[in-house]
Amino acid sequence: PELFMSINLSSRQFALPGLIRTVDVLAEVTGVSAMQVKLELTETEMMEDTDHTLSQMQALRARGFGLSVDDFG
């Protein structure tokens, strides 16, 4: 079975304007397929700026990254 990695993103990281580009570059440099990565976000982070959150999430999903909600504790 193909393995995947979950990566927690802080609200500060998720709010960065260059997040999508950074994730793209990291996937390219490491050779990891987007389909092998699940990015975890907190509920709080998702509710802070819903328009920005939705835009970021759609861009990440379009690239094949998985998304999940995690309460981090």
PDB file of N, CA and C in Angstrom:
ATOM      1  N   PRO A   1       0.836  -1.211   0.000  1.00  0.00           N
ATOM      2  CA  PRO A   1       0.000   0.000   0.000  1.00  0.00           C
ATOM      3  C   PRO A   1       0.868   1.258   0.000  1.00  0.00           C
ATOM      4  N   GLU A   2       0.372   2.262  -0.665  1.00  0.00           N
ATOM      5  CA  GLU A   2       1.104   3.519  -0.715  1.00  0.00           C
ATOM      6  C   GLU A   2       0.935   4.269   0.601  1.00  0.00           C
ATOM      7  N   LEU A   3       2.021   4.786   1.106  1.00  0.00           N
ATOM      8  CA  LEU A   3       2.011   5.511   2.370  1.00  0.00           C
ATOM      9  C   LEU A   3       1.751   6.990   2.137  1.00  0.00           C
ATOM     10  N   PHE A   4       1.264   7.669   3.175  1.00  0.00           N
ATOM     11  CA  PHE A   4       1.111   9.118   3.105  1.00  0.00           C
ATOM     12  C   PHE A   4       1.606   9.721   4.410  1.00  0.00           C
ATOM     13  N   MET A   5       1.874  11.018   4.369  1.00  0.00           N
ATOM     14  CA  MET A   5       2.362  11.740   5.522  1.00  0.00           C
ATOM     15  C   MET A   5       1.381  12.859   5.851  1.00  0.00           C
ATOM     16  N   SER A   6       1.059  12.992   7.137  1.00  0.00           N
ATOM     17  CA  SER A   6       0.239  14.103   7.589  1.00  0.00           C
ATOM     18  C   SER A   6       1.151  15.188   8.135  1.00  0.00           C
ATOM     19  N   ILE A   7       0.871  16.414   7.743  1.00  0.00           N
ATOM     20  CA  ILE A   7       1.674  17.561   8.177  1.00  0.00           C
ATOM     21  C   ILE A   7       0.744  18.590   8.801  1.00  0.00           C
ATOM     22  N   ASN A   8       1.014  18.931  10.057  1.00  0.00           N
ATOM     23  CA  ASN A   8       0.229  19.962  10.743  1.00  0.00           C
ATOM     24  C   ASN A   8       0.682  21.339  10.277  1.00  0.00           C
ATOM     25  N   LEU A   9      -0.273  22.178   9.932  1.00  0.00           N
ATOM     26  CA  LEU A   9       0.019  23.565   9.577  1.00  0.00           C
ATOM     27  C   LEU A   9      -0.539  24.469  10.661  1.00  0.00           C
ATOM     28  N   SER A  10       0.287  25.360  11.168  1.00  0.00           N
ATOM     29  CA  SER A  10      -0.191  26.329  12.154  1.00  0.00           C
ATOM     30  C   SER A  10      -0.995  27.406  11.432  1.00  0.00           C
ATOM     31  N   SER A  11      -1.775  28.153  12.184  1.00  0.00           N
ATOM     32  CA  SER A  11      -2.556  29.233  11.565  1.00  0.00           C
ATOM     33  C   SER A  11      -1.622  30.268  10.960  1.00  0.00           C
ATOM     34  N   ARG A  12      -0.471  30.481  11.570  1.00  0.00           N
ATOM     35  CA  ARG A  12       0.504  31.437  11.035  1.00  0.00           C
ATOM     36  C   ARG A  12       1.027  30.955   9.679  1.00  0.00           C
ATOM     37  N   GLN A  13       1.349  29.673   9.580  1.00  0.00           N
ATOM     38  CA  GLN A  13       1.833  29.126   8.319  1.00  0.00           C
ATOM     39  C   GLN A  13       0.745  29.172   7.252  1.00  0.00           C
ATOM     40  N   PHE A  14      -0.473  28.819   7.641  1.00  0.00           N
ATOM     41  CA  PHE A  14      -1.566  28.781   6.679  1.00  0.00           C
ATOM     42  C   PHE A  14      -1.895  30.165   6.139  1.00  0.00           C
ATOM     43  N   ALA A  15      -1.628  31.198   6.922  1.00  0.00           N
ATOM     44  CA  ALA A  15      -1.935  32.571   6.514  1.00  0.00           C
ATOM     45  C   ALA A  15      -0.863  33.180   5.604  1.00  0.00           C
ATOM     46  N   LEU A  16       0.279  32.534   5.491  1.00  0.00           N
ATOM     47  CA  LEU A  16       1.353  33.084   4.667  1.00  0.00           C
ATOM     48  C   LEU A  16       0.930  33.190   3.206  1.00  0.00           C
ATOM     49  N   PRO A  17       1.198  34.342   2.582  1.00  0.00           N
ATOM     50  CA  PRO A  17       0.807  34.518   1.185  1.00  0.00           C
ATOM     51  C   PRO A  17       1.479  33.521   0.234  1.00  0.00           C
ATOM     52  N   GLY A  18       2.674  33.058   0.555  1.00  0.00           N
ATOM     53  CA  GLY A  18       3.391  32.160  -0.332  1.00  0.00           C
ATOM     54  C   GLY A  18       3.242  30.694   0.008  1.00  0.00           C
ATOM     55  N   LEU A  19       2.240  30.337   0.808  1.00  0.00           N
ATOM     56  CA  LEU A  19       2.082  28.950   1.243  1.00  0.00           C
ATOM     57  C   LEU A  19       1.965  27.979   0.075  1.00  0.00           C
ATOM     58  N   ILE A  20       1.141  28.282  -0.880  1.00  0.00           N
ATOM     59  CA  ILE A  20       0.907  27.365  -1.997  1.00  0.00           C
ATOM     60  C   ILE A  20       2.217  27.136  -2.759  1.00  0.00           C
ATOM     61  N   ARG A  21       2.933  28.190  -3.039  1.00  0.00           N
ATOM     62  CA  ARG A  21       4.211  28.068  -3.755  1.00  0.00           C
ATOM     63  C   ARG A  21       5.208  27.264  -2.921  1.00  0.00           C
ATOM     64  N   THR A  22       5.264  27.515  -1.626  1.00  0.00           N
ATOM     65  CA  THR A  22       6.181  26.792  -0.743  1.00  0.00           C
ATOM     66  C   THR A  22       5.875  25.301  -0.758  1.00  0.00           C
ATOM     67  N   VAL A  23       4.617  24.937  -0.666  1.00  0.00           N
ATOM     68  CA  VAL A  23       4.214  23.534  -0.675  1.00  0.00           C
ATOM     69  C   VAL A  23       4.564  22.900  -2.022  1.00  0.00           C
ATOM     70  N   ASP A  24       4.325  23.624  -3.100  1.00  0.00           N
ATOM     71  CA  ASP A  24       4.680  23.120  -4.433  1.00  0.00           C
ATOM     72  C   ASP A  24       6.182  22.847  -4.541  1.00  0.00           C
ATOM     73  N   VAL A  25       6.989  23.792  -4.081  1.00  0.00           N
ATOM     74  CA  VAL A  25       8.439  23.655  -4.167  1.00  0.00           C
ATOM     75  C   VAL A  25       8.920  22.487  -3.308  1.00  0.00           C
ATOM     76  N   LEU A  26       8.398  22.380  -2.096  1.00  0.00           N
ATOM     77  CA  LEU A  26       8.808  21.285  -1.224  1.00  0.00           C
ATOM     78  C   LEU A  26       8.466  19.921  -1.818  1.00  0.00           C
ATOM     79  N   ALA A  27       7.310  19.808  -2.414  1.00  0.00           N
ATOM     80  CA  ALA A  27       6.927  18.541  -3.046  1.00  0.00           C
ATOM     81  C   ALA A  27       7.856  18.233  -4.217  1.00  0.00           C
ATOM     82  N   GLU A  28       8.180  19.253  -4.991  1.00  0.00           N
ATOM     83  CA  GLU A  28       9.055  19.055  -6.143  1.00  0.00           C
ATOM     84  C   GLU A  28      10.475  18.674  -5.703  1.00  0.00           C
ATOM     85  N   VAL A  29      11.015  19.388  -4.734  1.00  0.00           N
ATOM     86  CA  VAL A  29      12.389  19.149  -4.277  1.00  0.00           C
ATOM     87  C   VAL A  29      12.535  17.772  -3.634  1.00  0.00           C
ATOM     88  N   THR A  30      11.526  17.354  -2.874  1.00  0.00           N
ATOM     89  CA  THR A  30      11.610  16.075  -2.183  1.00  0.00           C
ATOM     90  C   THR A  30      11.175  14.905  -3.053  1.00  0.00           C
ATOM     91  N   GLY A  31      10.477  15.194  -4.140  1.00  0.00           N
ATOM     92  CA  GLY A  31       9.992  14.133  -5.005  1.00  0.00           C
ATOM     93  C   GLY A  31       8.766  13.417  -4.453  1.00  0.00           C
ATOM     94  N   VAL A  32       8.135  14.015  -3.460  1.00  0.00           N
ATOM     95  CA  VAL A  32       6.937  13.429  -2.851  1.00  0.00           C
ATOM     96  C   VAL A  32       5.716  13.871  -3.647  1.00  0.00           C
ATOM     97  N   SER A  33       4.889  12.914  -3.991  1.00  0.00           N
ATOM     98  CA  SER A  33       3.659  13.215  -4.714  1.00  0.00           C
ATOM     99  C   SER A  33       2.667  13.913  -3.779  1.00  0.00           C
ATOM    100  N   ALA A  34       1.948  14.886  -4.322  1.00  0.00           N
ATOM    101  CA  ALA A  34       0.929  15.574  -3.529  1.00  0.00           C
ATOM    102  C   ALA A  34      -0.080  14.581  -2.960  1.00  0.00           C
ATOM    103  N   MET A  35      -0.314  13.490  -3.671  1.00  0.00           N
ATOM    104  CA  MET A  35      -1.284  12.496  -3.219  1.00  0.00           C
ATOM    105  C   MET A  35      -0.802  11.741  -1.980  1.00  0.00           C
ATOM    106  N   GLN A  36       0.484  11.895  -1.635  1.00  0.00           N
ATOM    107  CA  GLN A  36       1.037  11.244  -0.453  1.00  0.00           C
ATOM    108  C   GLN A  36       1.059  12.169   0.764  1.00  0.00           C
ATOM    109  N   VAL A  37       0.547  13.378   0.605  1.00  0.00           N
ATOM    110  CA  VAL A  37       0.600  14.370   1.679  1.00  0.00           C
ATOM    111  C   VAL A  37      -0.802  14.786   2.085  1.00  0.00           C
ATOM    112  N   LYS A  38      -1.034  14.753   3.393  1.00  0.00           N
ATOM    113  CA  LYS A  38      -2.284  15.261   3.955  1.00  0.00           C
ATOM    114  C   LYS A  38      -1.921  16.428   4.871  1.00  0.00           C
ATOM    115  N   LEU A  39      -2.460  17.597   4.580  1.00  0.00           N
ATOM    116  CA  LEU A  39      -2.202  18.785   5.389  1.00  0.00           C
ATOM    117  C   LEU A  39      -3.318  18.921   6.418  1.00  0.00           C
ATOM    118  N   GLU A  40      -2.927  19.084   7.667  1.00  0.00           N
ATOM    119  CA  GLU A  40      -3.898  19.166   8.765  1.00  0.00           C
ATOM    120  C   GLU A  40      -4.022  20.602   9.253  1.00  0.00           C
ATOM    121  N   LEU A  41      -5.260  21.060   9.350  1.00  0.00           N
ATOM    122  CA  LEU A  41      -5.570  22.417   9.785  1.00  0.00           C
ATOM    123  C   LEU A  41      -6.448  22.356  11.029  1.00  0.00           C
ATOM    124  N   THR A  42      -6.407  23.402  11.835  1.00  0.00           N
ATOM    125  CA  THR A  42      -7.298  23.445  13.001  1.00  0.00           C
ATOM    126  C   THR A  42      -8.617  24.108  12.626  1.00  0.00           C
ATOM    127  N   GLU A  43      -9.660  23.808  13.424  1.00  0.00           N
ATOM    128  CA  GLU A  43     -10.955  24.440  13.167  1.00  0.00           C
ATOM    129  C   GLU A  43     -10.848  25.948  13.324  1.00  0.00           C
ATOM    130  N   THR A  44     -10.113  26.391  14.341  1.00  0.00           N
ATOM    131  CA  THR A  44      -9.961  27.824  14.606  1.00  0.00           C
ATOM    132  C   THR A  44      -9.356  28.520  13.399  1.00  0.00           C
ATOM    133  N   GLU A  45      -8.341  27.928  12.868  1.00  0.00           N
ATOM    134  CA  GLU A  45      -7.648  28.477  11.718  1.00  0.00           C
ATOM    135  C   GLU A  45      -8.598  28.612  10.528  1.00  0.00           C
ATOM    136  N   MET A  46      -9.469  27.655  10.362  1.00  0.00           N
ATOM    137  CA  MET A  46     -10.392  27.668   9.240  1.00  0.00           C
ATOM    138  C   MET A  46     -11.440  28.770   9.373  1.00  0.00           C
ATOM    139  N   MET A  47     -11.734  29.177  10.591  1.00  0.00           N
ATOM    140  CA  MET A  47     -12.792  30.150  10.807  1.00  0.00           C
ATOM    141  C   MET A  47     -12.287  31.591  10.888  1.00  0.00           C
ATOM    142  N   GLU A  48     -10.977  31.790  10.974  1.00  0.00           N
ATOM    143  CA  GLU A  48     -10.430  33.137  11.127  1.00  0.00           C
ATOM    144  C   GLU A  48     -10.681  34.003   9.893  1.00  0.00           C
ATOM    145  N   ASP A  49     -10.427  33.512   8.737  1.00  0.00           N
ATOM    146  CA  ASP A  49     -10.637  34.244   7.479  1.00  0.00           C
ATOM    147  C   ASP A  49     -11.158  33.222   6.471  1.00  0.00           C
ATOM    148  N   THR A  50     -12.448  33.041   6.461  1.00  0.00           N
ATOM    149  CA  THR A  50     -13.041  31.956   5.676  1.00  0.00           C
ATOM    150  C   THR A  50     -12.779  32.084   4.175  1.00  0.00           C
ATOM    151  N   ASP A  51     -12.771  33.299   3.645  1.00  0.00           N
ATOM    152  CA  ASP A  51     -12.513  33.466   2.208  1.00  0.00           C
ATOM    153  C   ASP A  51     -11.097  33.018   1.856  1.00  0.00           C
ATOM    154  N   HIS A  52     -10.135  33.454   2.653  1.00  0.00           N
ATOM    155  CA  HIS A  52      -8.737  33.072   2.426  1.00  0.00           C
ATOM    156  C   HIS A  52      -8.573  31.565   2.615  1.00  0.00           C
ATOM    157  N   THR A  53      -9.186  31.035   3.666  1.00  0.00           N
ATOM    158  CA  THR A  53      -9.091  29.601   3.948  1.00  0.00           C
ATOM    159  C   THR A  53      -9.637  28.788   2.788  1.00  0.00           C
ATOM    160  N   LEU A  54     -10.800  29.138   2.314  1.00  0.00           N
ATOM    161  CA  LEU A  54     -11.416  28.413   1.198  1.00  0.00           C
ATOM    162  C   LEU A  54     -10.541  28.477  -0.054  1.00  0.00           C
ATOM    163  N   SER A  55     -10.010  29.648  -0.339  1.00  0.00           N
ATOM    164  CA  SER A  55      -9.144  29.817  -1.502  1.00  0.00           C
ATOM    165  C   SER A  55      -7.896  28.944  -1.389  1.00  0.00           C
ATOM    166  N   GLN A  56      -7.250  28.954  -0.218  1.00  0.00           N
ATOM    167  CA  GLN A  56      -6.047  28.147   0.000  1.00  0.00           C
ATOM    168  C   GLN A  56      -6.379  26.647  -0.113  1.00  0.00           C
ATOM    169  N   MET A  57      -7.481  26.245   0.502  1.00  0.00           N
ATOM    170  CA  MET A  57      -7.868  24.835   0.489  1.00  0.00           C
ATOM    171  C   MET A  57      -8.170  24.363  -0.935  1.00  0.00           C
ATOM    172  N   GLN A  58      -8.855  25.178  -1.696  1.00  0.00           N
ATOM    173  CA  GLN A  58      -9.170  24.807  -3.077  1.00  0.00           C
ATOM    174  C   GLN A  58      -7.900  24.673  -3.917  1.00  0.00           C
ATOM    175  N   ALA A  59      -6.953  25.578  -3.717  1.00  0.00           N
ATOM    176  CA  ALA A  59      -5.700  25.525  -4.465  1.00  0.00           C
ATOM    177  C   ALA A  59      -4.903  24.271  -4.096  1.00  0.00           C
ATOM    178  N   LEU A  60      -4.875  23.924  -2.821  1.00  0.00           N
ATOM    179  CA  LEU A  60      -4.155  22.731  -2.384  1.00  0.00           C
ATOM    180  C   LEU A  60      -4.819  21.458  -2.901  1.00  0.00           C
ATOM    181  N   ARG A  61      -6.137  21.394  -2.830  1.00  0.00           N
ATOM    182  CA  ARG A  61      -6.865  20.218  -3.335  1.00  0.00           C
ATOM    183  C   ARG A  61      -6.680  20.069  -4.839  1.00  0.00           C
ATOM    184  N   ALA A  62      -6.675  21.184  -5.562  1.00  0.00           N
ATOM    185  CA  ALA A  62      -6.490  21.145  -7.011  1.00  0.00           C
ATOM    186  C   ALA A  62      -5.138  20.542  -7.382  1.00  0.00           C
ATOM    187  N   ARG A  63      -4.173  20.668  -6.488  1.00  0.00           N
ATOM    188  CA  ARG A  63      -2.839  20.112  -6.723  1.00  0.00           C
ATOM    189  C   ARG A  63      -2.739  18.661  -6.265  1.00  0.00           C
ATOM    190  N   GLY A  64      -3.779  18.159  -5.622  1.00  0.00           N
ATOM    191  CA  GLY A  64      -3.803  16.757  -5.210  1.00  0.00           C
ATOM    192  C   GLY A  64      -3.481  16.506  -3.749  1.00  0.00           C
ATOM    193  N   PHE A  65      -3.241  17.566  -2.968  1.00  0.00           N
ATOM    194  CA  PHE A  65      -2.950  17.389  -1.544  1.00  0.00           C
ATOM    195  C   PHE A  65      -4.236  17.039  -0.795  1.00  0.00           C
ATOM    196  N   GLY A  66      -4.108  16.163   0.186  1.00  0.00           N
ATOM    197  CA  GLY A  66      -5.233  15.849   1.049  1.00  0.00           C
ATOM    198  C   GLY A  66      -5.330  16.893   2.148  1.00  0.00           C
ATOM    199  N   LEU A  67      -6.509  17.071   2.679  1.00  0.00           N
ATOM    200  CA  LEU A  67      -6.732  18.023   3.768  1.00  0.00           C
ATOM    201  C   LEU A  67      -7.530  17.345   4.862  1.00  0.00           C
ATOM    202  N   SER A  68      -7.231  17.698   6.093  1.00  0.00           N
ATOM    203  CA  SER A  68      -8.033  17.196   7.208  1.00  0.00           C
ATOM    204  C   SER A  68      -8.058  18.247   8.308  1.00  0.00           C
ATOM    205  N   VAL A  69      -9.029  18.100   9.195  1.00  0.00           N
ATOM    206  CA  VAL A  69      -9.167  19.001  10.328  1.00  0.00           C
ATOM    207  C   VAL A  69      -8.656  18.287  11.573  1.00  0.00           C
ATOM    208  N   ASP A  70      -7.837  18.986  12.311  1.00  0.00           N
ATOM    209  CA  ASP A  70      -7.240  18.429  13.531  1.00  0.00           C
ATOM    210  C   ASP A  70      -7.344  19.485  14.615  1.00  0.00           C
ATOM    211  N   ASP A  71      -7.707  19.071  15.830  1.00  0.00           N
ATOM    212  CA  ASP A  71      -7.831  20.057  16.910  1.00  0.00           C
ATOM    213  C   ASP A  71      -6.522  20.256  17.676  1.00  0.00           C
ATOM    214  N   PHE A  72      -5.463  19.554  17.287  1.00  0.00           N
ATOM    215  CA  PHE A  72      -4.139  19.669  17.888  1.00  0.00           C
ATOM    216  C   PHE A  72      -4.170  19.508  19.404  1.00  0.00           C
ATOM    217  N   GLY A  73      -4.953  18.640  19.915  1.00  0.00           N
ATOM    218  CA  GLY A  73      -4.893  18.401  21.339  1.00  0.00           C
ATOM    219  C   GLY A  73      -6.233  18.275  21.921  1.00  0.00           C
TER     220      GLY A  73
END
